Amino acid sequence: TLLETITFGFYKAPVEVTIEATDDIAGVDYFVYSYAVQSGASDTNVGKINQRVAATRDGDTNRWYATFMIDPQFRGNVSFTAYDKATNHAFLADDKFVIVDNVAPGINVVYDNMNDYDDEFYKADRTATITITEANFFEQDIADGLLVITVEKTLNNGTYTSENMAPTFSKNGDVYTATIPFTEEADYTFDIKYTDRSGNVYDAYEKDVFTIDKTAPVIEVSYNNNSAKNNDQFKANRVATIKVTEHNFRADYVVAKVMASGTEVASYAEYLKNDANWTHNGDVHTAVIEYSEEAHYTFEIACTDKAGNISGSVNYGESVAP
């Protein structure tokens, strides 16, 4: 009679296996055991075949046993044959698997779009390619909460979501690959953690924090004084109100050029590059400049956002002589 005493499952440390048999007549002489690597398992796994070990009697009982160790890395089945002193023998094999693994998963993430304008601001979609190196990877690891891929997203309207992603991985040996696309305009945080089924932990990933913004700033300029003679001559000061609609605004990315009778007045450009001279209300940013000296003025303005989107034509509304 053969008795199975190993608990089949996942292990991190070397596993001591006890095999045993009972014999009421001649007594067990020795065992021949094997632990064979599962077909299709990682090439890192090492087994042993037809190893002979002497049987030890358990006191005065009819029970005989032997022990052996399975070191990492192994994934496969244990089987053995017990031989009594009369050379009779019996064989036991089980289809359950033993996995002994003390190597933590390796994880690498790369993005196809690395063209940030400001630090981690992008004006086009991004795709993250996740590569996991793990000898004992299972698709079910995601559903079981062992592999956790988290994407946090905050939309421009403030809506926040946090989602555990479940991409489909392709296999190439011990390397598993999946992709996650980022296509919405939003602020993103990406994180990944993985504990394999033997308890080896990967939690060293530094979160990725980035923004996708595909919308160009919109500039509107209006004037308080539109009482002109000959369409462009005013007898009183003019105040220009500049409104920029942009979620990812930076004042120092505003480019303005004011010419007074053919001479550039640099102070206007410097003024508009100073964030302290703007008021902010959500995505709307407003500044005011005044023309108070007698001169023939021309005014140009453009704005680039943090992602590198450039404003188009300025909307002057119904202002006279913009």
C-alpha atoms as a PDB file:
ATOM      1  CA  THR A   1       0.000   0.000   0.000  1.00  0.00           C
ATOM      2  CA  LEU A   2       1.332   3.440  -0.971  1.00  0.00           C
ATOM      3  CA  LEU A   3       0.489   6.551   1.029  1.00  0.00           C
ATOM      4  CA  GLU A   4       0.787  10.097  -0.379  1.00  0.00           C
ATOM      5  CA  THR A   5       1.959  12.631   2.218  1.00  0.00           C
ATOM      6  CA  ILE A   6       3.188  15.614   0.178  1.00  0.00           C
ATOM      7  CA  THR A   7       0.870  18.627   0.029  1.00  0.00           C
ATOM      8  CA  PHE A   8       0.736  19.667  -3.598  1.00  0.00           C
ATOM      9  CA  GLY A   9       0.832  23.366  -4.391  1.00  0.00           C
ATOM     10  CA  PHE A  10       3.104  26.402  -4.548  1.00  0.00           C
ATOM     11  CA  TYR A  11       6.259  26.835  -2.498  1.00  0.00           C
ATOM     12  CA  LYS A  12       8.962  29.451  -2.147  1.00  0.00           C
ATOM     13  CA  ALA A  13      11.550  27.536  -0.088  1.00  0.00           C
ATOM     14  CA  PRO A  14      12.952  24.090  -0.842  1.00  0.00           C
ATOM     15  CA  VAL A  15      10.315  21.421  -0.202  1.00  0.00           C
ATOM     16  CA  GLU A  16      10.905  18.284   1.826  1.00  0.00           C
ATOM     17  CA  VAL A  17       8.910  15.402   0.384  1.00  0.00           C
ATOM     18  CA  THR A  18       8.061  12.317   2.403  1.00  0.00           C
ATOM     19  CA  ILE A  19       7.049   9.185   0.542  1.00  0.00           C
ATOM     20  CA  GLU A  20       5.827   6.114   2.355  1.00  0.00           C
ATOM     21  CA  ALA A  21       4.446   2.623   1.903  1.00  0.00           C
ATOM     22  CA  THR A  22       3.190  -0.199   4.113  1.00  0.00           C
ATOM     23  CA  ASP A  23       4.165  -3.857   3.879  1.00  0.00           C
ATOM     24  CA  ASP A  24       2.943  -6.505   6.322  1.00  0.00           C
ATOM     25  CA  ILE A  25       5.191  -9.333   5.178  1.00  0.00           C
ATOM     26  CA  ALA A  26       8.652  -8.719   3.760  1.00  0.00           C
ATOM     27  CA  GLY A  27       8.965  -5.011   4.611  1.00  0.00           C
ATOM     28  CA  VAL A  28       9.870  -2.155   2.269  1.00  0.00           C
ATOM     29  CA  ASP A  29      13.492  -2.160   1.149  1.00  0.00           C
ATOM     30  CA  TYR A  30      13.843   1.056  -0.891  1.00  0.00           C
ATOM     31  CA  PHE A  31      12.067   3.630  -3.007  1.00  0.00           C
ATOM     32  CA  VAL A  32      12.793   4.952  -6.499  1.00  0.00           C
ATOM     33  CA  TYR A  33      11.385   8.424  -6.920  1.00  0.00           C
ATOM     34  CA  SER A  34      11.208  11.026  -9.661  1.00  0.00           C
ATOM     35  CA  TYR A  35      10.084  14.605  -9.897  1.00  0.00           C
ATOM     36  CA  ALA A  36       9.620  15.378 -13.557  1.00  0.00           C
ATOM     37  CA  VAL A  37       9.286  18.833 -15.088  1.00  0.00           C
ATOM     38  CA  GLN A  38       5.859  19.543 -16.551  1.00  0.00           C
ATOM     39  CA  SER A  39       5.706  19.634 -20.330  1.00  0.00           C
ATOM     40  CA  GLY A  40       5.761  23.238 -21.536  1.00  0.00           C
ATOM     41  CA  ALA A  41       7.113  24.581 -18.240  1.00  0.00           C
ATOM     42  CA  SER A  42       9.966  27.071 -18.079  1.00  0.00           C
ATOM     43  CA  ASP A  43      13.440  25.938 -19.069  1.00  0.00           C
ATOM     44  CA  THR A  44      14.618  27.206 -15.684  1.00  0.00           C
ATOM     45  CA  ASN A  45      12.994  24.187 -14.010  1.00  0.00           C
ATOM     46  CA  VAL A  46      15.145  21.199 -13.076  1.00  0.00           C
ATOM     47  CA  GLY A  47      13.856  17.743 -12.121  1.00  0.00           C
ATOM     48  CA  LYS A  48      15.360  14.397 -11.180  1.00  0.00           C
ATOM     49  CA  ILE A  49      14.505  10.968 -12.540  1.00  0.00           C
ATOM     50  CA  ASN A  50      14.798   7.475 -10.962  1.00  0.00           C
ATOM     51  CA  GLN A  51      16.548   8.402  -7.742  1.00  0.00           C
ATOM     52  CA  ARG A  52      17.009   5.470  -5.309  1.00  0.00           C
ATOM     53  CA  VAL A  53      16.711   5.991  -1.565  1.00  0.00           C
ATOM     54  CA  ALA A  54      16.647   3.483   1.272  1.00  0.00           C
ATOM     55  CA  ALA A  55      13.427   2.958   3.188  1.00  0.00           C
ATOM     56  CA  THR A  56      13.274   3.677   6.936  1.00  0.00           C
ATOM     57  CA  ARG A  57      10.864   1.794   9.203  1.00  0.00           C
ATOM     58  CA  ASP A  58       8.565   3.808  11.425  1.00  0.00           C
ATOM     59  CA  GLY A  59       9.235   2.108  14.763  1.00  0.00           C
ATOM     60  CA  ASP A  60       7.628  -1.329  15.009  1.00  0.00           C
ATOM     61  CA  THR A  61       4.863  -0.502  12.547  1.00  0.00           C
ATOM     62  CA  ASN A  62       4.340  -1.786   9.025  1.00  0.00           C
ATOM     63  CA  ARG A  63       5.014   1.712   7.701  1.00  0.00           C
ATOM     64  CA  TRP A  64       8.191   2.549   5.796  1.00  0.00           C
ATOM     65  CA  TYR A  65       9.193   5.969   4.508  1.00  0.00           C
ATOM     66  CA  ALA A  66      11.913   8.078   2.911  1.00  0.00           C
ATOM     67  CA  THR A  67      12.445  11.805   2.401  1.00  0.00           C
ATOM     68  CA  PHE A  68      14.020  13.945  -0.298  1.00  0.00           C
ATOM     69  CA  MET A  69      14.231  17.633  -1.161  1.00  0.00           C
ATOM     70  CA  ILE A  70      12.967  19.564  -4.168  1.00  0.00           C
ATOM     71  CA  ASP A  71      14.911  22.784  -4.651  1.00  0.00           C
ATOM     72  CA  PRO A  72      13.763  25.852  -6.562  1.00  0.00           C
ATOM     73  CA  GLN A  73      13.174  26.046  -9.541  1.00  0.00           C
ATOM     74  CA  PHE A  74      10.750  23.228 -10.194  1.00  0.00           C
ATOM     75  CA  ARG A  75       7.296  22.747 -11.668  1.00  0.00           C
ATOM     76  CA  GLY A  76       6.001  19.274 -12.246  1.00  0.00           C
ATOM     77  CA  ASN A  77       4.854  15.956 -10.753  1.00  0.00           C
ATOM     78  CA  VAL A  78       6.176  13.606  -8.117  1.00  0.00           C
ATOM     79  CA  SER A  79       6.065   9.815  -8.583  1.00  0.00           C
ATOM     80  CA  PHE A  80       7.713   6.872  -6.860  1.00  0.00           C
ATOM     81  CA  THR A  81       7.943   3.094  -6.740  1.00  0.00           C
ATOM     82  CA  ALA A  82       8.285   1.140  -3.480  1.00  0.00           C
ATOM     83  CA  TYR A  83      10.205  -2.159  -3.525  1.00  0.00           C
ATOM     84  CA  ASP A  84       9.916  -4.738  -0.754  1.00  0.00           C
ATOM     85  CA  LYS A  85      12.656  -7.140   0.271  1.00  0.00           C
ATOM     86  CA  ALA A  86      11.193  -9.793  -2.020  1.00  0.00           C
ATOM     87  CA  THR A  87      11.477  -7.377  -4.991  1.00  0.00           C
ATOM     88  CA  ASN A  88       7.734  -6.899  -5.243  1.00  0.00           C
ATOM     89  CA  HIS A  89       6.932  -3.300  -6.099  1.00  0.00           C
ATOM     90  CA  ALA A  90       4.131  -0.776  -6.396  1.00  0.00           C
ATOM     91  CA  PHE A  91       3.998   2.542  -8.240  1.00  0.00           C
ATOM     92  CA  LEU A  92       2.275   5.835  -7.393  1.00  0.00           C
ATOM     93  CA  ALA A  93       1.995   8.910  -9.579  1.00  0.00           C
ATOM     94  CA  ASP A  94      -0.245  11.932  -9.175  1.00  0.00           C
ATOM     95  CA  ASP A  95      -1.414  14.460 -11.736  1.00  0.00           C
ATOM     96  CA  LYS A  96      -1.284  17.324  -9.233  1.00  0.00           C
ATOM     97  CA  PHE A  97       1.618  19.726  -9.564  1.00  0.00           C
ATOM     98  CA  VAL A  98       4.310  20.950  -7.221  1.00  0.00           C
ATOM     99  CA  ILE A  99       5.771  24.398  -7.943  1.00  0.00           C
ATOM    100  CA  VAL A 100       8.903  25.506  -6.083  1.00  0.00           C
ATOM    101  CA  ASP A 101       9.873  29.044  -7.083  1.00  0.00           C
ATOM    102  CA  ASN A 102      11.953  31.616  -5.200  1.00  0.00           C
ATOM    103  CA  VAL A 103      12.441  34.143  -8.017  1.00  0.00           C
ATOM    104  CA  ALA A 104      10.345  37.322  -7.977  1.00  0.00           C
ATOM    105  CA  PRO A 105       8.656  38.427 -11.212  1.00  0.00           C
ATOM    106  CA  GLY A 106      10.491  40.939 -13.349  1.00  0.00           C
ATOM    107  CA  ILE A 107       8.472  43.818 -14.800  1.00  0.00           C
ATOM    108  CA  ASN A 108       9.296  46.407 -17.438  1.00  0.00           C
ATOM    109  CA  VAL A 109       7.008  49.060 -18.909  1.00  0.00           C
ATOM    110  CA  VAL A 110       7.806  51.187 -21.961  1.00  0.00           C
ATOM    111  CA  TYR A 111       5.729  53.808 -23.775  1.00  0.00           C
ATOM    112  CA  ASP A 112       5.633  54.407 -27.506  1.00  0.00           C
ATOM    113  CA  ASN A 113       5.168  58.178 -27.176  1.00  0.00           C
ATOM    114  CA  MET A 114       7.949  59.833 -25.187  1.00  0.00           C
ATOM    115  CA  ASN A 115       7.625  63.252 -26.831  1.00  0.00           C
ATOM    116  CA  ASP A 116       6.588  65.318 -23.844  1.00  0.00           C
ATOM    117  CA  TYR A 117       6.655  69.100 -24.232  1.00  0.00           C
ATOM    118  CA  ASP A 118       6.520  70.148 -20.634  1.00  0.00           C
ATOM    119  CA  ASP A 119       7.531  67.469 -18.129  1.00  0.00           C
ATOM    120  CA  GLU A 120       5.220  64.457 -18.722  1.00  0.00           C
ATOM    121  CA  PHE A 121       2.670  66.378 -20.832  1.00  0.00           C
ATOM    122  CA  TYR A 122       1.836  64.791 -24.183  1.00  0.00           C
ATOM    123  CA  LYS A 123      -0.320  66.010 -27.064  1.00  0.00           C
ATOM    124  CA  ALA A 124      -0.975  62.571 -28.583  1.00  0.00           C
ATOM    125  CA  ASP A 125      -2.117  59.122 -27.474  1.00  0.00           C
ATOM    126  CA  ARG A 126       0.264  56.834 -25.609  1.00  0.00           C
ATOM    127  CA  THR A 127       0.459  53.049 -25.388  1.00  0.00           C
ATOM    128  CA  ALA A 128       2.196  51.267 -22.534  1.00  0.00           C
ATOM    129  CA  THR A 129       3.757  47.889 -23.305  1.00  0.00           C
ATOM    130  CA  ILE A 130       4.049  45.729 -20.189  1.00  0.00           C
ATOM    131  CA  THR A 131       6.625  42.945 -20.170  1.00  0.00           C
ATOM    132  CA  ILE A 132       6.585  40.433 -17.306  1.00  0.00           C
ATOM    133  CA  THR A 133       9.278  37.812 -16.873  1.00  0.00           C
ATOM    134  CA  GLU A 134       7.915  35.038 -14.669  1.00  0.00           C
ATOM    135  CA  ALA A 135       8.360  31.267 -14.931  1.00  0.00           C
ATOM    136  CA  ASN A 136       4.993  30.597 -13.286  1.00  0.00           C
ATOM    137  CA  PHE A 137       2.655  33.190 -14.755  1.00  0.00           C
ATOM    138  CA  PHE A 138      -1.060  32.448 -14.950  1.00  0.00           C
ATOM    139  CA  GLU A 139      -3.746  34.563 -16.649  1.00  0.00           C
ATOM    140  CA  GLN A 140      -5.871  33.973 -13.554  1.00  0.00           C
ATOM    141  CA  ASP A 141      -3.332  35.953 -11.513  1.00  0.00           C
ATOM    142  CA  ILE A 142      -5.169  39.159 -12.494  1.00  0.00           C
ATOM    143  CA  ALA A 143      -8.607  37.919 -11.458  1.00  0.00           C
ATOM    144  CA  ASP A 144      -7.173  36.550  -8.207  1.00  0.00           C
ATOM    145  CA  GLY A 145      -5.615  39.911  -7.316  1.00  0.00           C
ATOM    146  CA  LEU A 146      -2.011  38.747  -7.533  1.00  0.00           C
ATOM    147  CA  LEU A 147      -1.155  40.877 -10.567  1.00  0.00           C
ATOM    148  CA  VAL A 148      -2.588  44.362 -10.036  1.00  0.00           C
ATOM    149  CA  ILE A 149      -2.351  46.906 -12.865  1.00  0.00           C
ATOM    150  CA  THR A 150      -3.925  50.178 -11.774  1.00  0.00           C
ATOM    151  CA  VAL A 151      -4.787  53.178 -13.932  1.00  0.00           C
ATOM    152  CA  GLU A 152      -6.060  56.294 -12.182  1.00  0.00           C
ATOM    153  CA  LYS A 153      -7.589  58.927 -14.430  1.00  0.00           C
ATOM    154  CA  THR A 154      -8.811  62.459 -13.818  1.00  0.00           C
ATOM    155  CA  LEU A 155     -10.683  64.068 -16.701  1.00  0.00           C
ATOM    156  CA  ASN A 156     -10.613  67.790 -17.406  1.00  0.00           C
ATOM    157  CA  ASN A 157     -14.031  68.138 -15.766  1.00  0.00           C
ATOM    158  CA  GLY A 158     -12.649  66.662 -12.537  1.00  0.00           C
ATOM    159  CA  THR A 159     -14.194  63.197 -12.881  1.00  0.00           C
ATOM    160  CA  TYR A 160     -11.882  60.680 -11.173  1.00  0.00           C
ATOM    161  CA  THR A 161     -11.757  56.933 -11.796  1.00  0.00           C
ATOM    162  CA  SER A 162      -9.447  54.165 -10.648  1.00  0.00           C
ATOM    163  CA  GLU A 163      -9.510  50.912 -12.598  1.00  0.00           C
ATOM    164  CA  ASN A 164      -7.674  47.626 -12.242  1.00  0.00           C
ATOM    165  CA  MET A 165      -6.815  46.717 -15.814  1.00  0.00           C
ATOM    166  CA  ALA A 166      -7.038  43.203 -17.257  1.00  0.00           C
ATOM    167  CA  PRO A 167      -5.160  43.189 -20.571  1.00  0.00           C
ATOM    168  CA  THR A 168      -4.574  39.996 -22.526  1.00  0.00           C
ATOM    169  CA  PHE A 169      -0.978  38.758 -22.317  1.00  0.00           C
ATOM    170  CA  SER A 170       0.875  36.934 -25.063  1.00  0.00           C
ATOM    171  CA  LYS A 171       3.491  34.339 -24.131  1.00  0.00           C
ATOM    172  CA  ASN A 172       7.035  33.864 -25.386  1.00  0.00           C
ATOM    173  CA  GLY A 173       8.830  31.445 -23.106  1.00  0.00           C
ATOM    174  CA  ASP A 174       8.872  33.031 -19.647  1.00  0.00           C
ATOM    175  CA  VAL A 175       8.088  36.489 -21.060  1.00  0.00           C
ATOM    176  CA  TYR A 176       4.498  37.743 -21.132  1.00  0.00           C
ATOM    177  CA  THR A 177       3.518  40.922 -22.945  1.00  0.00           C
ATOM    178  CA  ALA A 178       0.403  43.111 -22.990  1.00  0.00           C
ATOM    179  CA  THR A 179      -0.456  46.676 -23.984  1.00  0.00           C
ATOM    180  CA  ILE A 180      -2.621  49.381 -22.429  1.00  0.00           C
ATOM    181  CA  PRO A 181      -3.672  52.387 -24.546  1.00  0.00           C
ATOM    182  CA  PHE A 182      -4.149  55.882 -23.138  1.00  0.00           C
ATOM    183  CA  THR A 183      -6.328  57.904 -25.509  1.00  0.00           C
ATOM    184  CA  GLU A 184      -8.499  60.246 -23.453  1.00  0.00           C
ATOM    185  CA  GLU A 185      -7.463  63.736 -22.438  1.00  0.00           C
ATOM    186  CA  ALA A 186      -6.769  63.294 -18.756  1.00  0.00           C
ATOM    187  CA  ASP A 187      -4.240  63.232 -15.949  1.00  0.00           C
ATOM    188  CA  TYR A 188      -3.047  59.635 -15.488  1.00  0.00           C
ATOM    189  CA  THR A 189      -1.306  57.557 -12.860  1.00  0.00           C
ATOM    190  CA  PHE A 190      -0.109  54.058 -13.788  1.00  0.00           C
ATOM    191  CA  ASP A 191       1.096  51.463 -11.293  1.00  0.00           C
ATOM    192  CA  ILE A 192       1.770  47.717 -11.325  1.00  0.00           C
ATOM    193  CA  LYS A 193       2.414  45.157  -8.576  1.00  0.00           C
ATOM    194  CA  TYR A 194       2.760  41.403  -8.780  1.00  0.00           C
ATOM    195  CA  THR A 195       3.037  38.617  -6.216  1.00  0.00           C
ATOM    196  CA  ASP A 196       3.418  35.207  -7.840  1.00  0.00           C
ATOM    197  CA  ARG A 197       1.679  32.154  -6.417  1.00  0.00           C
ATOM    198  CA  SER A 198       4.754  31.129  -4.457  1.00  0.00           C
ATOM    199  CA  GLY A 199       4.740  34.471  -2.621  1.00  0.00           C
ATOM    200  CA  ASN A 200       7.595  36.177  -4.477  1.00  0.00           C
ATOM    201  CA  VAL A 201       6.858  39.901  -4.607  1.00  0.00           C
ATOM    202  CA  TYR A 202       7.524  42.619  -7.162  1.00  0.00           C
ATOM    203  CA  ASP A 203       6.484  46.007  -5.785  1.00  0.00           C
ATOM    204  CA  ALA A 204       9.365  48.216  -6.899  1.00  0.00           C
ATOM    205  CA  TYR A 205       7.624  49.993  -9.762  1.00  0.00           C
ATOM    206  CA  GLU A 206       7.699  53.769  -9.539  1.00  0.00           C
ATOM    207  CA  LYS A 207       4.305  55.112 -10.544  1.00  0.00           C
ATOM    208  CA  ASP A 208       4.055  56.839 -13.889  1.00  0.00           C
ATOM    209  CA  VAL A 209       2.285  60.207 -13.704  1.00  0.00           C
ATOM    210  CA  PHE A 210       1.501  61.983 -16.960  1.00  0.00           C
ATOM    211  CA  THR A 211      -1.079  64.049 -18.850  1.00  0.00           C
ATOM    212  CA  ILE A 212      -2.553  63.739 -22.321  1.00  0.00           C
ATOM    213  CA  ASP A 213      -3.855  67.015 -23.769  1.00  0.00           C
ATOM    214  CA  LYS A 214      -4.776  67.160 -27.459  1.00  0.00           C
ATOM    215  CA  THR A 215      -6.700  70.448 -27.410  1.00  0.00           C
ATOM    216  CA  ALA A 216      -5.055  73.721 -28.451  1.00  0.00           C
ATOM    217  CA  PRO A 217      -5.563  76.890 -26.385  1.00  0.00           C
ATOM    218  CA  VAL A 218      -8.289  79.257 -27.569  1.00  0.00           C
ATOM    219  CA  ILE A 219      -7.551  82.996 -27.349  1.00  0.00           C
ATOM    220  CA  GLU A 220     -10.141  85.755 -27.311  1.00  0.00           C
ATOM    221  CA  VAL A 221      -9.342  89.481 -27.139  1.00  0.00           C
ATOM    222  CA  SER A 222     -11.870  92.238 -26.537  1.00  0.00           C
ATOM    223  CA  TYR A 223     -11.485  96.008 -26.138  1.00  0.00           C
ATOM    224  CA  ASN A 224     -13.397  98.404 -23.913  1.00  0.00           C
ATOM    225  CA  ASN A 225     -13.100 101.361 -26.304  1.00  0.00           C
ATOM    226  CA  ASN A 226     -14.418 100.764 -29.803  1.00  0.00           C
ATOM    227  CA  SER A 227     -15.179 104.400 -30.682  1.00  0.00           C
ATOM    228  CA  ALA A 228     -12.778 104.870 -33.568  1.00  0.00           C
ATOM    229  CA  LYS A 229     -12.218 107.553 -36.127  1.00  0.00           C
ATOM    230  CA  ASN A 230     -11.130 106.310 -39.539  1.00  0.00           C
ATOM    231  CA  ASN A 231     -11.527 102.779 -38.157  1.00  0.00           C
ATOM    232  CA  ASP A 232      -8.313 102.750 -36.094  1.00  0.00           C
ATOM    233  CA  GLN A 233      -7.839 106.074 -34.358  1.00  0.00           C
ATOM    234  CA  PHE A 234      -8.961 106.539 -30.766  1.00  0.00           C
ATOM    235  CA  LYS A 235      -8.901 109.664 -28.635  1.00  0.00           C
ATOM    236  CA  ALA A 236      -8.920 107.773 -25.344  1.00  0.00           C
ATOM    237  CA  ASN A 237      -6.966 104.941 -23.799  1.00  0.00           C
ATOM    238  CA  ARG A 238      -7.853 101.384 -24.802  1.00  0.00           C
ATOM    239  CA  VAL A 239      -7.917  98.363 -22.490  1.00  0.00           C
ATOM    240  CA  ALA A 240      -7.555  94.911 -24.026  1.00  0.00           C
ATOM    241  CA  THR A 241      -8.948  91.942 -22.108  1.00  0.00           C
ATOM    242  CA  ILE A 242      -7.203  88.739 -23.115  1.00  0.00           C
ATOM    243  CA  LYS A 243      -8.948  85.454 -22.350  1.00  0.00           C
ATOM    244  CA  VAL A 244      -7.212  82.100 -22.865  1.00  0.00           C
ATOM    245  CA  THR A 245      -9.260  78.923 -22.511  1.00  0.00           C
ATOM    246  CA  GLU A 246      -6.864  76.083 -21.754  1.00  0.00           C
ATOM    247  CA  HIS A 247      -6.779  73.283 -19.163  1.00  0.00           C
ATOM    248  CA  ASN A 248      -2.982  73.086 -18.972  1.00  0.00           C
ATOM    249  CA  PHE A 249      -2.041  76.763 -19.091  1.00  0.00           C
ATOM    250  CA  ARG A 250       1.319  78.353 -18.408  1.00  0.00           C
ATOM    251  CA  ALA A 251       1.683  82.116 -18.554  1.00  0.00           C
ATOM    252  CA  ASP A 252       5.315  81.907 -19.566  1.00  0.00           C
ATOM    253  CA  TYR A 253       4.221  80.033 -22.701  1.00  0.00           C
ATOM    254  CA  VAL A 254       2.278  83.110 -23.862  1.00  0.00           C
ATOM    255  CA  VAL A 255       4.030  84.925 -26.714  1.00  0.00           C
ATOM    256  CA  ALA A 256       2.895  88.494 -27.332  1.00  0.00           C
ATOM    257  CA  LYS A 257       4.269  91.268 -29.501  1.00  0.00           C
ATOM    258  CA  VAL A 258       3.173  94.878 -29.230  1.00  0.00           C
ATOM    259  CA  MET A 259       4.495  97.420 -31.715  1.00  0.00           C
ATOM    260  CA  ALA A 260       4.070 101.165 -31.014  1.00  0.00           C
ATOM    261  CA  SER A 261       4.663 103.230 -34.150  1.00  0.00           C
ATOM    262  CA  GLY A 262       7.089 100.602 -35.466  1.00  0.00           C
ATOM    263  CA  THR A 263       8.977 100.011 -32.196  1.00  0.00           C
ATOM    264  CA  GLU A 264       8.448  96.854 -30.170  1.00  0.00           C
ATOM    265  CA  VAL A 265       7.336  97.490 -26.575  1.00  0.00           C
ATOM    266  CA  ALA A 266       8.848  94.522 -24.731  1.00  0.00           C
ATOM    267  CA  SER A 267       7.182  95.329 -21.420  1.00  0.00           C
ATOM    268  CA  TYR A 268       3.826  94.055 -22.698  1.00  0.00           C
ATOM    269  CA  ALA A 269       5.267  90.605 -23.545  1.00  0.00           C
ATOM    270  CA  GLU A 270       7.073  90.421 -20.206  1.00  0.00           C
ATOM    271  CA  TYR A 271       3.878  91.412 -18.404  1.00  0.00           C
ATOM    272  CA  LEU A 272       1.868  88.632 -20.033  1.00  0.00           C
ATOM    273  CA  LYS A 273       4.509  85.999 -19.249  1.00  0.00           C
ATOM    274  CA  ASN A 274       4.103  86.676 -15.523  1.00  0.00           C
ATOM    275  CA  ASP A 275       1.450  84.404 -14.007  1.00  0.00           C
ATOM    276  CA  ALA A 276       0.783  86.946 -11.272  1.00  0.00           C
ATOM    277  CA  ASN A 277      -0.785  89.208 -13.903  1.00  0.00           C
ATOM    278  CA  TRP A 278      -3.424  86.628 -14.820  1.00  0.00           C
ATOM    279  CA  THR A 279      -6.604  85.643 -13.028  1.00  0.00           C
ATOM    280  CA  HIS A 280      -7.659  81.998 -13.214  1.00  0.00           C
ATOM    281  CA  ASN A 281     -11.138  80.546 -13.162  1.00  0.00           C
ATOM    282  CA  GLY A 282     -10.954  76.842 -13.977  1.00  0.00           C
ATOM    283  CA  ASP A 283      -9.743  76.553 -17.549  1.00  0.00           C
ATOM    284  CA  VAL A 284     -10.269  80.264 -18.273  1.00  0.00           C
ATOM    285  CA  HIS A 285      -7.300  82.597 -17.748  1.00  0.00           C
ATOM    286  CA  THR A 286      -7.630  86.353 -18.106  1.00  0.00           C
ATOM    287  CA  ALA A 287      -5.195  89.252 -18.312  1.00  0.00           C
ATOM    288  CA  VAL A 288      -5.653  92.946 -19.058  1.00  0.00           C
ATOM    289  CA  ILE A 289      -3.290  95.344 -20.809  1.00  0.00           C
ATOM    290  CA  GLU A 290      -3.770  99.041 -21.449  1.00  0.00           C
ATOM    291  CA  TYR A 291      -2.622 101.263 -24.304  1.00  0.00           C
ATOM    292  CA  SER A 292      -2.158 104.716 -22.782  1.00  0.00           C
ATOM    293  CA  GLU A 293       0.621 106.364 -24.784  1.00  0.00           C
ATOM    294  CA  GLU A 294      -0.027 108.108 -28.082  1.00  0.00           C
ATOM    295  CA  ALA A 295       1.149 105.757 -30.838  1.00  0.00           C
ATOM    296  CA  HIS A 296      -0.010 103.550 -33.672  1.00  0.00           C
ATOM    297  CA  TYR A 297      -0.258 100.089 -32.094  1.00  0.00           C
ATOM    298  CA  THR A 298      -0.261  96.565 -33.471  1.00  0.00           C
ATOM    299  CA  PHE A 299      -0.800  93.533 -31.243  1.00  0.00           C
ATOM    300  CA  GLU A 300      -0.073  89.834 -31.832  1.00  0.00           C
ATOM    301  CA  ILE A 301      -0.527  87.005 -29.346  1.00  0.00           C
ATOM    302  CA  ALA A 302      -0.235  83.219 -29.317  1.00  0.00           C
ATOM    303  CA  CYS A 303      -0.127  80.567 -26.601  1.00  0.00           C
ATOM    304  CA  THR A 304       1.336  77.093 -26.324  1.00  0.00           C
ATOM    305  CA  ASP A 305      -0.003  74.770 -23.632  1.00  0.00           C
ATOM    306  CA  LYS A 306       2.067  72.393 -21.480  1.00  0.00           C
ATOM    307  CA  ALA A 307       1.578  69.588 -23.999  1.00  0.00           C
ATOM    308  CA  GLY A 308       2.839  71.661 -26.928  1.00  0.00           C
ATOM    309  CA  ASN A 309      -0.511  72.449 -28.575  1.00  0.00           C
ATOM    310  CA  ILE A 310      -0.380  75.882 -30.226  1.00  0.00           C
ATOM    311  CA  SER A 311      -3.282  78.289 -30.350  1.00  0.00           C
ATOM    312  CA  GLY A 312      -4.899  79.127 -33.666  1.00  0.00           C
ATOM    313  CA  SER A 313      -6.325  82.420 -34.899  1.00  0.00           C
ATOM    314  CA  VAL A 314      -7.289  84.920 -32.220  1.00  0.00           C
ATOM    315  CA  ASN A 315     -10.989  85.705 -31.864  1.00  0.00           C
ATOM    316  CA  TYR A 316     -11.410  89.479 -31.566  1.00  0.00           C
ATOM    317  CA  GLY A 317     -15.186  89.332 -31.561  1.00  0.00           C
ATOM    318  CA  GLU A 318     -16.756  92.627 -32.656  1.00  0.00           C
ATOM    319  CA  SER A 319     -13.848  94.805 -31.544  1.00  0.00           C
ATOM    320  CA  VAL A 320     -12.902  97.684 -33.800  1.00  0.00           C
ATOM    321  CA  ALA A 321      -9.304  97.761 -35.065  1.00  0.00           C
ATOM    322  CA  PRO A 322      -8.095  94.695 -33.172  1.00  0.00           C
END
